[in-house]
Amino acid sequence: MYADYMASFRDNMKEFLDAGVIVDIEVGLGPAGELRYPSYPQSHGWSFPGIGEFQADFKAAAAMVGHPEWEFPHDSGTYNDTPERTRFFVDNGTYLTEQGRFFLAWYSNNLIKHGDKILDEANKVFLGHRVQLAIKISGIHWWYKAPSHAAELTAGYYNLHDRDGYRPIARMLKRHHASLNFTCAEMRDSEQSSQARSAPEELVQQVGVECWLERGPKCGMRKRTSSI
């Protein structure tokens, strides 16, 4: 479906692509065009600063690594919970157990594989055209200061104090010579609610550093323009 849509765009915009009028193409990869799971949909009752919910079927993956008894983390709360109201995201919660870490790595890797696959298709579709491919990452700044980074984890960004959650994405983009557009660049820590333990400035800085460390994808910071 993604490839068909991109091929249709290429064919209908051929005149502009050939003339060099269109030089950048942001490939939509999920909700609001962003590479993430639909973990915080307002249409399902989510409201800021809820931690969101995981969106995946985990049973088969657990069985493949010899742990059929492992289950989806049912202790991870609901859309509008806070980390301390769950057993999974609370400080020293089950997200730090062997099962929790395996689930989070699997969940995040599946998201990156999705982006990798679609960008493979995009490179094939636009082969021969001088365009810069890009993707968009959501600036999930709420609960960034909480140890579990709960809202980032449910969206698929496995980011903790001891784990660079955005560097694997930057590494994937480097392989495709694609750039990264990141939202929330205009936000300031001082303007955010203390109850949400939000830190947009620190998050933007982290993502920029991880792109730089990979020496690959250009990292563009932009205001959030799409609805959640």
Protein backbone atom coordinates (compact mmCIF):
# COMPACT_ATOMS: atom_id res chain seq x y z
CA MET A 1 0.00 0.00 0.00
CA TYR A 2 2.79 2.44 0.92
CA ALA A 3 4.67 1.68 -2.30
CA ASP A 4 1.54 2.11 -4.44
CA TYR A 5 0.80 5.47 -2.85
CA MET A 6 4.37 6.70 -3.37
CA ALA A 7 4.40 5.48 -6.98
CA SER A 8 1.15 7.33 -7.63
CA PHE A 9 2.64 10.50 -6.17
CA ARG A 10 5.78 10.09 -8.29
CA ASP A 11 3.78 9.59 -11.48
CA ASN A 12 1.43 12.50 -10.84
CA MET A 13 4.24 14.84 -9.79
CA LYS A 14 6.71 13.75 -12.47
CA GLU A 15 6.88 17.21 -14.04
CA PHE A 16 7.83 18.83 -10.75
CA LEU A 17 10.25 16.07 -9.77
CA ASP A 18 12.04 16.25 -13.12
CA ALA A 19 12.25 20.04 -12.93
CA GLY A 20 13.71 19.95 -9.44
CA VAL A 21 10.78 21.81 -7.92
CA ILE A 22 10.20 19.00 -5.41
CA VAL A 23 13.50 18.32 -3.66
CA ASP A 24 12.40 16.96 -0.27
CA ILE A 25 9.90 14.20 0.47
CA GLU A 26 8.82 13.40 4.02
CA VAL A 27 7.64 9.80 4.10
CA GLY A 28 4.69 9.26 6.44
CA LEU A 29 5.18 6.24 8.69
CA GLY A 30 2.39 6.37 11.25
CA PRO A 31 -0.02 8.63 13.16
CA ALA A 32 0.35 12.29 12.10
CA GLY A 33 2.95 11.02 9.61
CA GLU A 34 5.32 10.15 12.47
CA LEU A 35 7.34 6.99 13.07
CA ARG A 36 5.56 5.82 16.23
CA TYR A 37 2.79 3.59 17.47
CA PRO A 38 -0.69 5.12 17.92
CA SER A 39 -0.19 5.06 21.68
CA TYR A 40 -1.94 8.30 22.60
CA PRO A 41 -5.00 8.79 20.34
CA GLN A 42 -7.28 11.63 21.35
CA SER A 43 -10.08 9.85 19.50
CA HIS A 44 -9.88 7.08 22.15
CA GLY A 45 -10.01 9.45 25.07
CA TRP A 46 -6.32 10.16 25.63
CA SER A 47 -5.47 13.53 27.12
CA PHE A 48 -2.18 15.14 28.06
CA PRO A 49 -0.11 14.07 29.96
CA GLY A 50 -1.35 10.47 29.89
CA ILE A 51 1.33 7.81 29.43
CA GLY A 52 -0.54 6.12 26.57
CA GLU A 53 -0.87 2.40 25.91
CA PHE A 54 1.24 -0.26 24.19
CA GLN A 55 -0.08 -1.39 20.80
CA ALA A 56 1.15 -4.89 19.95
CA ASP A 57 0.57 -8.65 20.09
CA PHE A 58 3.50 -10.05 22.04
CA LYS A 59 2.69 -13.73 22.63
CA ALA A 60 4.27 -15.16 19.46
CA ALA A 61 7.50 -13.23 19.96
CA ALA A 62 7.87 -14.50 23.54
CA ALA A 63 7.34 -18.09 22.41
CA MET A 64 10.03 -17.71 19.72
CA VAL A 65 12.68 -16.98 22.37
CA GLY A 66 11.64 -19.88 24.57
CA HIS A 67 9.40 -18.01 27.01
CA PRO A 68 5.79 -18.86 26.07
CA GLU A 69 4.80 -17.97 29.64
CA TRP A 70 5.72 -14.31 29.11
CA GLU A 71 2.72 -12.13 28.47
CA PHE A 72 1.92 -8.65 27.25
CA PRO A 73 2.60 -6.21 30.14
CA HIS A 74 -0.93 -5.91 31.48
CA ASP A 75 0.40 -3.89 34.42
CA SER A 76 1.34 -0.95 32.16
CA GLY A 77 -1.82 1.06 32.78
CA THR A 78 -4.21 2.84 30.44
CA TYR A 79 -4.12 5.92 28.23
CA ASN A 80 -4.45 8.56 30.95
CA ASP A 81 -2.51 6.93 33.76
CA THR A 82 0.66 8.37 35.25
CA PRO A 83 3.77 6.20 35.75
CA GLU A 84 3.30 5.87 39.50
CA ARG A 85 -0.20 4.47 39.03
CA THR A 86 1.20 1.40 37.23
CA ARG A 87 3.43 -1.47 38.30
CA PHE A 88 5.25 -1.44 34.97
CA PHE A 89 6.37 2.22 34.83
CA VAL A 90 6.70 3.03 38.52
CA ASP A 91 10.26 3.67 39.74
CA ASN A 92 12.07 0.28 39.71
CA GLY A 93 8.99 -1.18 38.02
CA THR A 94 8.67 -4.27 35.85
CA TYR A 95 10.00 -2.40 32.83
CA LEU A 96 13.42 -3.15 34.34
CA THR A 97 12.92 -6.93 34.59
CA GLU A 98 14.25 -9.39 32.02
CA GLN A 99 10.77 -9.81 30.57
CA GLY A 100 10.12 -6.08 30.55
CA ARG A 101 13.40 -5.30 28.79
CA PHE A 102 12.80 -8.00 26.21
CA PHE A 103 9.32 -6.68 25.47
CA LEU A 104 10.51 -3.08 25.14
CA ALA A 105 13.40 -4.03 22.83
CA TRP A 106 11.08 -6.16 20.68
CA TYR A 107 8.43 -3.43 20.58
CA SER A 108 10.93 -0.75 19.59
CA ASN A 109 12.74 -2.93 17.05
CA ASN A 110 9.46 -3.72 15.30
CA LEU A 111 8.83 0.00 14.85
CA ILE A 112 12.30 0.58 13.43
CA LYS A 113 11.90 -2.40 11.08
CA HIS A 114 8.65 -0.85 9.85
CA GLY A 115 10.42 2.43 9.07
CA ASP A 116 13.32 0.58 7.45
CA LYS A 117 11.00 -1.39 5.18
CA ILE A 118 9.02 1.65 4.04
CA LEU A 119 12.16 3.67 3.35
CA ASP A 120 13.48 0.76 1.29
CA GLU A 121 10.34 1.04 -0.83
CA ALA A 122 10.66 4.82 -1.03
CA ASN A 123 14.22 4.60 -2.30
CA LYS A 124 13.10 2.18 -5.02
CA VAL A 125 10.14 4.35 -6.05
CA PHE A 126 12.14 7.58 -6.25
CA LEU A 127 15.29 6.04 -7.72
CA GLY A 128 16.71 8.41 -10.32
CA HIS A 129 15.08 11.50 -8.84
CA ARG A 130 17.21 13.98 -6.92
CA VAL A 131 15.12 14.17 -3.78
CA GLN A 132 16.01 14.04 -0.11
CA LEU A 133 13.90 11.56 1.82
CA ALA A 134 12.97 12.35 5.41
CA ILE A 135 10.85 10.98 8.21
CA LYS A 136 9.24 12.64 11.22
CA ILE A 137 9.72 11.66 14.86
CA SER A 138 7.33 12.79 17.56
CA GLY A 139 8.72 14.95 20.34
CA ILE A 140 7.21 13.09 23.28
CA HIS A 141 8.51 15.34 26.03
CA TRP A 142 6.09 14.47 28.83
CA TRP A 143 7.44 12.10 31.49
CA TYR A 144 10.94 12.60 30.05
CA LYS A 145 12.19 13.37 33.55
CA ALA A 146 10.58 10.24 34.99
CA PRO A 147 13.00 7.27 35.18
CA SER A 148 10.78 5.08 32.98
CA HIS A 149 10.13 7.66 30.21
CA ALA A 150 6.70 6.02 30.06
CA ALA A 151 5.11 8.04 27.22
CA GLU A 152 8.14 7.49 24.99
CA LEU A 153 8.12 3.75 25.67
CA THR A 154 4.46 3.24 24.75
CA ALA A 155 5.09 5.15 21.50
CA GLY A 156 7.95 2.79 20.63
CA TYR A 157 10.96 4.91 21.60
CA TYR A 158 12.98 2.72 24.01
CA ASN A 159 14.74 5.60 25.68
CA LEU A 160 16.09 5.37 29.26
CA HIS A 161 18.94 6.99 31.17
CA ASP A 162 21.16 4.02 30.24
CA ARG A 163 19.82 3.45 26.74
CA ASP A 164 19.95 5.78 23.71
CA GLY A 165 16.46 5.37 22.34
CA TYR A 166 16.85 7.53 19.24
CA ARG A 167 20.28 6.46 18.05
CA PRO A 168 19.01 3.17 16.51
CA ILE A 169 16.55 5.25 14.48
CA ALA A 170 19.35 7.58 13.37
CA ARG A 171 21.42 4.52 12.40
CA MET A 172 18.55 3.20 10.29
CA LEU A 173 18.14 6.57 8.56
CA LYS A 174 21.86 6.72 7.80
CA ARG A 175 21.54 3.52 5.79
CA HIS A 176 18.89 5.17 3.62
CA HIS A 177 20.62 8.58 3.42
CA ALA A 178 17.42 10.00 4.88
CA SER A 179 17.02 12.92 7.23
CA LEU A 180 15.04 13.27 10.44
CA ASN A 181 12.47 15.93 11.25
CA PHE A 182 11.77 16.31 14.94
CA THR A 183 8.88 18.13 16.58
CA CYS A 184 8.65 20.23 19.76
CA ALA A 185 11.74 22.34 19.00
CA GLU A 186 9.92 25.55 19.94
CA MET A 187 8.97 24.33 23.42
CA ARG A 188 10.71 25.40 26.61
CA ASP A 189 11.01 23.41 29.83
CA SER A 190 9.89 26.42 31.85
CA GLU A 191 6.60 26.58 29.94
CA GLN A 192 5.59 22.99 30.74
CA SER A 193 3.56 21.62 33.61
CA SER A 194 5.72 20.31 36.44
CA GLN A 195 3.18 17.53 36.98
CA ALA A 196 4.04 16.07 33.55
CA ARG A 197 7.79 15.97 34.37
CA SER A 198 8.33 17.35 30.90
CA ALA A 199 11.69 18.33 29.38
CA PRO A 200 11.39 19.26 25.69
CA GLU A 201 14.72 21.12 25.63
CA GLU A 202 16.65 18.14 26.98
CA LEU A 203 14.85 15.81 24.58
CA VAL A 204 15.67 17.97 21.54
CA GLN A 205 19.29 18.14 22.65
CA GLN A 206 19.49 14.36 23.09
CA VAL A 207 18.06 13.63 19.65
CA GLY A 208 20.42 16.13 18.03
CA VAL A 209 23.44 14.58 19.75
CA GLU A 210 22.44 11.04 18.75
CA CYS A 211 22.07 12.08 15.10
CA TRP A 212 25.51 13.71 15.30
CA LEU A 213 27.06 10.59 16.85
CA GLU A 214 25.89 8.52 13.89
CA ARG A 215 27.51 11.02 11.48
CA GLY A 216 24.62 10.32 9.14
CA PRO A 217 21.09 11.73 9.12
CA LYS A 218 20.52 15.44 9.04
CA CYS A 219 18.39 16.28 12.05
CA GLY A 220 15.90 19.08 11.42
CA MET A 221 14.08 20.62 14.36
CA ARG A 222 10.60 21.95 13.66
CA LYS A 223 7.46 23.06 15.36
CA ARG A 224 4.66 20.55 15.81
CA THR A 225 2.22 21.25 12.99
CA SER A 226 0.08 18.12 12.89
CA SER A 227 -2.69 17.12 15.24
CA ILE A 228 -2.15 14.06 17.42
